[in-house]
Amino acid sequence: MAKNYLFLVSYILDNQPQSTTLDIDAESLTPEQALSHLQSLHTTALPGLITDVQISRIDPQRTAFSPGHYRQP
């Protein structure tokens, strides 16, 4: 069974900021690969309307806990 990785993809679609999460089986994701996923998600968008694609990997183990300032010493 392949391990999946989560990525937060932020982008501009028709001058409006958008974001989505992608769950894929690769450890890394290039902006070109993310753009391909976004184009399949927004099939009615004209080519060139999806711009400024930025990718951040989501580490579920690091985000599973609240920030340290909520913890008691």
C-alpha atoms as a PDB file:
ATOM      1  CA  MET A   1       0.000   0.000   0.000  1.00  0.00           C
ATOM      2  CA  ALA A   2       1.487   3.331  -1.076  1.00  0.00           C
ATOM      3  CA  LYS A   3       1.807   6.152   1.410  1.00  0.00           C
ATOM      4  CA  ASN A   4      -0.072   9.318   0.530  1.00  0.00           C
ATOM      5  CA  TYR A   5       1.097  12.854   1.235  1.00  0.00           C
ATOM      6  CA  LEU A   6      -0.985  15.986   1.729  1.00  0.00           C
ATOM      7  CA  PHE A   7      -0.201  19.276   0.015  1.00  0.00           C
ATOM      8  CA  LEU A   8      -1.832  22.662   0.362  1.00  0.00           C
ATOM      9  CA  VAL A   9      -2.002  24.311  -3.038  1.00  0.00           C
ATOM     10  CA  SER A  10      -2.698  28.053  -3.122  1.00  0.00           C
ATOM     11  CA  TYR A  11      -3.379  29.780  -6.417  1.00  0.00           C
ATOM     12  CA  ILE A  12      -5.145  32.632  -8.166  1.00  0.00           C
ATOM     13  CA  LEU A  13      -8.139  31.771 -10.339  1.00  0.00           C
ATOM     14  CA  ASP A  14      -9.588  34.619 -12.375  1.00  0.00           C
ATOM     15  CA  ASN A  15      -8.025  37.193  -9.990  1.00  0.00           C
ATOM     16  CA  GLN A  16      -9.508  35.477  -6.904  1.00  0.00           C
ATOM     17  CA  PRO A  17      -7.315  33.714  -4.314  1.00  0.00           C
ATOM     18  CA  GLN A  18      -8.142  30.019  -3.921  1.00  0.00           C
ATOM     19  CA  SER A  19      -6.672  27.010  -2.173  1.00  0.00           C
ATOM     20  CA  THR A  20      -7.203  23.274  -2.094  1.00  0.00           C
ATOM     21  CA  THR A  21      -5.552  20.231  -0.606  1.00  0.00           C
ATOM     22  CA  LEU A  22      -4.189  17.418  -2.712  1.00  0.00           C
ATOM     23  CA  ASP A  23      -3.700  13.887  -1.384  1.00  0.00           C
ATOM     24  CA  ILE A  24      -1.168  12.185  -3.662  1.00  0.00           C
ATOM     25  CA  ASP A  25       1.238   9.255  -3.489  1.00  0.00           C
ATOM     26  CA  ALA A  26       4.396  11.279  -4.239  1.00  0.00           C
ATOM     27  CA  GLU A  27       6.704  12.896  -1.680  1.00  0.00           C
ATOM     28  CA  SER A  28       6.984  16.079  -3.705  1.00  0.00           C
ATOM     29  CA  LEU A  29       4.780  18.098  -5.997  1.00  0.00           C
ATOM     30  CA  THR A  30       5.961  20.592  -8.597  1.00  0.00           C
ATOM     31  CA  PRO A  31       3.947  23.671  -9.562  1.00  0.00           C
ATOM     32  CA  GLU A  32       3.441  22.145 -13.022  1.00  0.00           C
ATOM     33  CA  GLN A  33       1.984  18.957 -11.530  1.00  0.00           C
ATOM     34  CA  ALA A  34      -0.236  20.994  -9.215  1.00  0.00           C
ATOM     35  CA  LEU A  35      -1.402  23.096 -12.162  1.00  0.00           C
ATOM     36  CA  SER A  36      -2.402  19.914 -13.986  1.00  0.00           C
ATOM     37  CA  HIS A  37      -4.497  18.857 -10.966  1.00  0.00           C
ATOM     38  CA  LEU A  38      -6.041  22.329 -10.753  1.00  0.00           C
ATOM     39  CA  GLN A  39      -6.945  22.352 -14.434  1.00  0.00           C
ATOM     40  CA  SER A  40      -8.752  19.034 -13.990  1.00  0.00           C
ATOM     41  CA  LEU A  41     -10.536  20.496 -10.954  1.00  0.00           C
ATOM     42  CA  HIS A  42     -11.579  23.685 -12.791  1.00  0.00           C
ATOM     43  CA  THR A  43     -12.486  22.286 -16.197  1.00  0.00           C
ATOM     44  CA  THR A  44     -14.426  25.397 -17.257  1.00  0.00           C
ATOM     45  CA  ALA A  45     -11.514  27.774 -16.550  1.00  0.00           C
ATOM     46  CA  LEU A  46      -9.708  29.043 -19.606  1.00  0.00           C
ATOM     47  CA  PRO A  47      -6.002  28.237 -19.861  1.00  0.00           C
ATOM     48  CA  GLY A  48      -3.972  30.983 -18.226  1.00  0.00           C
ATOM     49  CA  LEU A  49      -6.604  31.941 -15.645  1.00  0.00           C
ATOM     50  CA  ILE A  50      -4.920  29.789 -12.972  1.00  0.00           C
ATOM     51  CA  THR A  51      -1.762  31.593 -11.872  1.00  0.00           C
ATOM     52  CA  ASP A  52       0.619  31.977  -8.913  1.00  0.00           C
ATOM     53  CA  VAL A  53       0.545  28.308  -7.900  1.00  0.00           C
ATOM     54  CA  GLN A  54       2.259  27.798  -4.529  1.00  0.00           C
ATOM     55  CA  ILE A  55       2.651  24.475  -2.748  1.00  0.00           C
ATOM     56  CA  SER A  56       3.149  23.621   0.909  1.00  0.00           C
ATOM     57  CA  ARG A  57       3.433  20.097   2.227  1.00  0.00           C
ATOM     58  CA  ILE A  58       1.146  19.351   5.170  1.00  0.00           C
ATOM     59  CA  ASP A  59       2.699  17.219   7.879  1.00  0.00           C
ATOM     60  CA  PRO A  60      -0.224  15.606   9.768  1.00  0.00           C
ATOM     61  CA  GLN A  61       1.952  14.773  12.771  1.00  0.00           C
ATOM     62  CA  ARG A  62       3.002  18.389  13.223  1.00  0.00           C
ATOM     63  CA  THR A  63      -0.515  19.779  12.725  1.00  0.00           C
ATOM     64  CA  ALA A  64      -2.220  17.189  14.944  1.00  0.00           C
ATOM     65  CA  PHE A  65      -1.347  19.167  18.075  1.00  0.00           C
ATOM     66  CA  SER A  66      -2.297  22.664  19.037  1.00  0.00           C
ATOM     67  CA  PRO A  67       0.496  25.244  19.157  1.00  0.00           C
ATOM     68  CA  GLY A  68       2.823  25.108  22.164  1.00  0.00           C
ATOM     69  CA  HIS A  69       1.419  28.214  23.839  1.00  0.00           C
ATOM     70  CA  TYR A  70      -1.755  26.246  24.626  1.00  0.00           C
ATOM     71  CA  ARG A  71       0.172  23.575  26.547  1.00  0.00           C
ATOM     72  CA  GLN A  72       0.906  23.657  30.237  1.00  0.00           C
ATOM     73  CA  PRO A  73       4.596  23.335  31.259  1.00  0.00           C
END
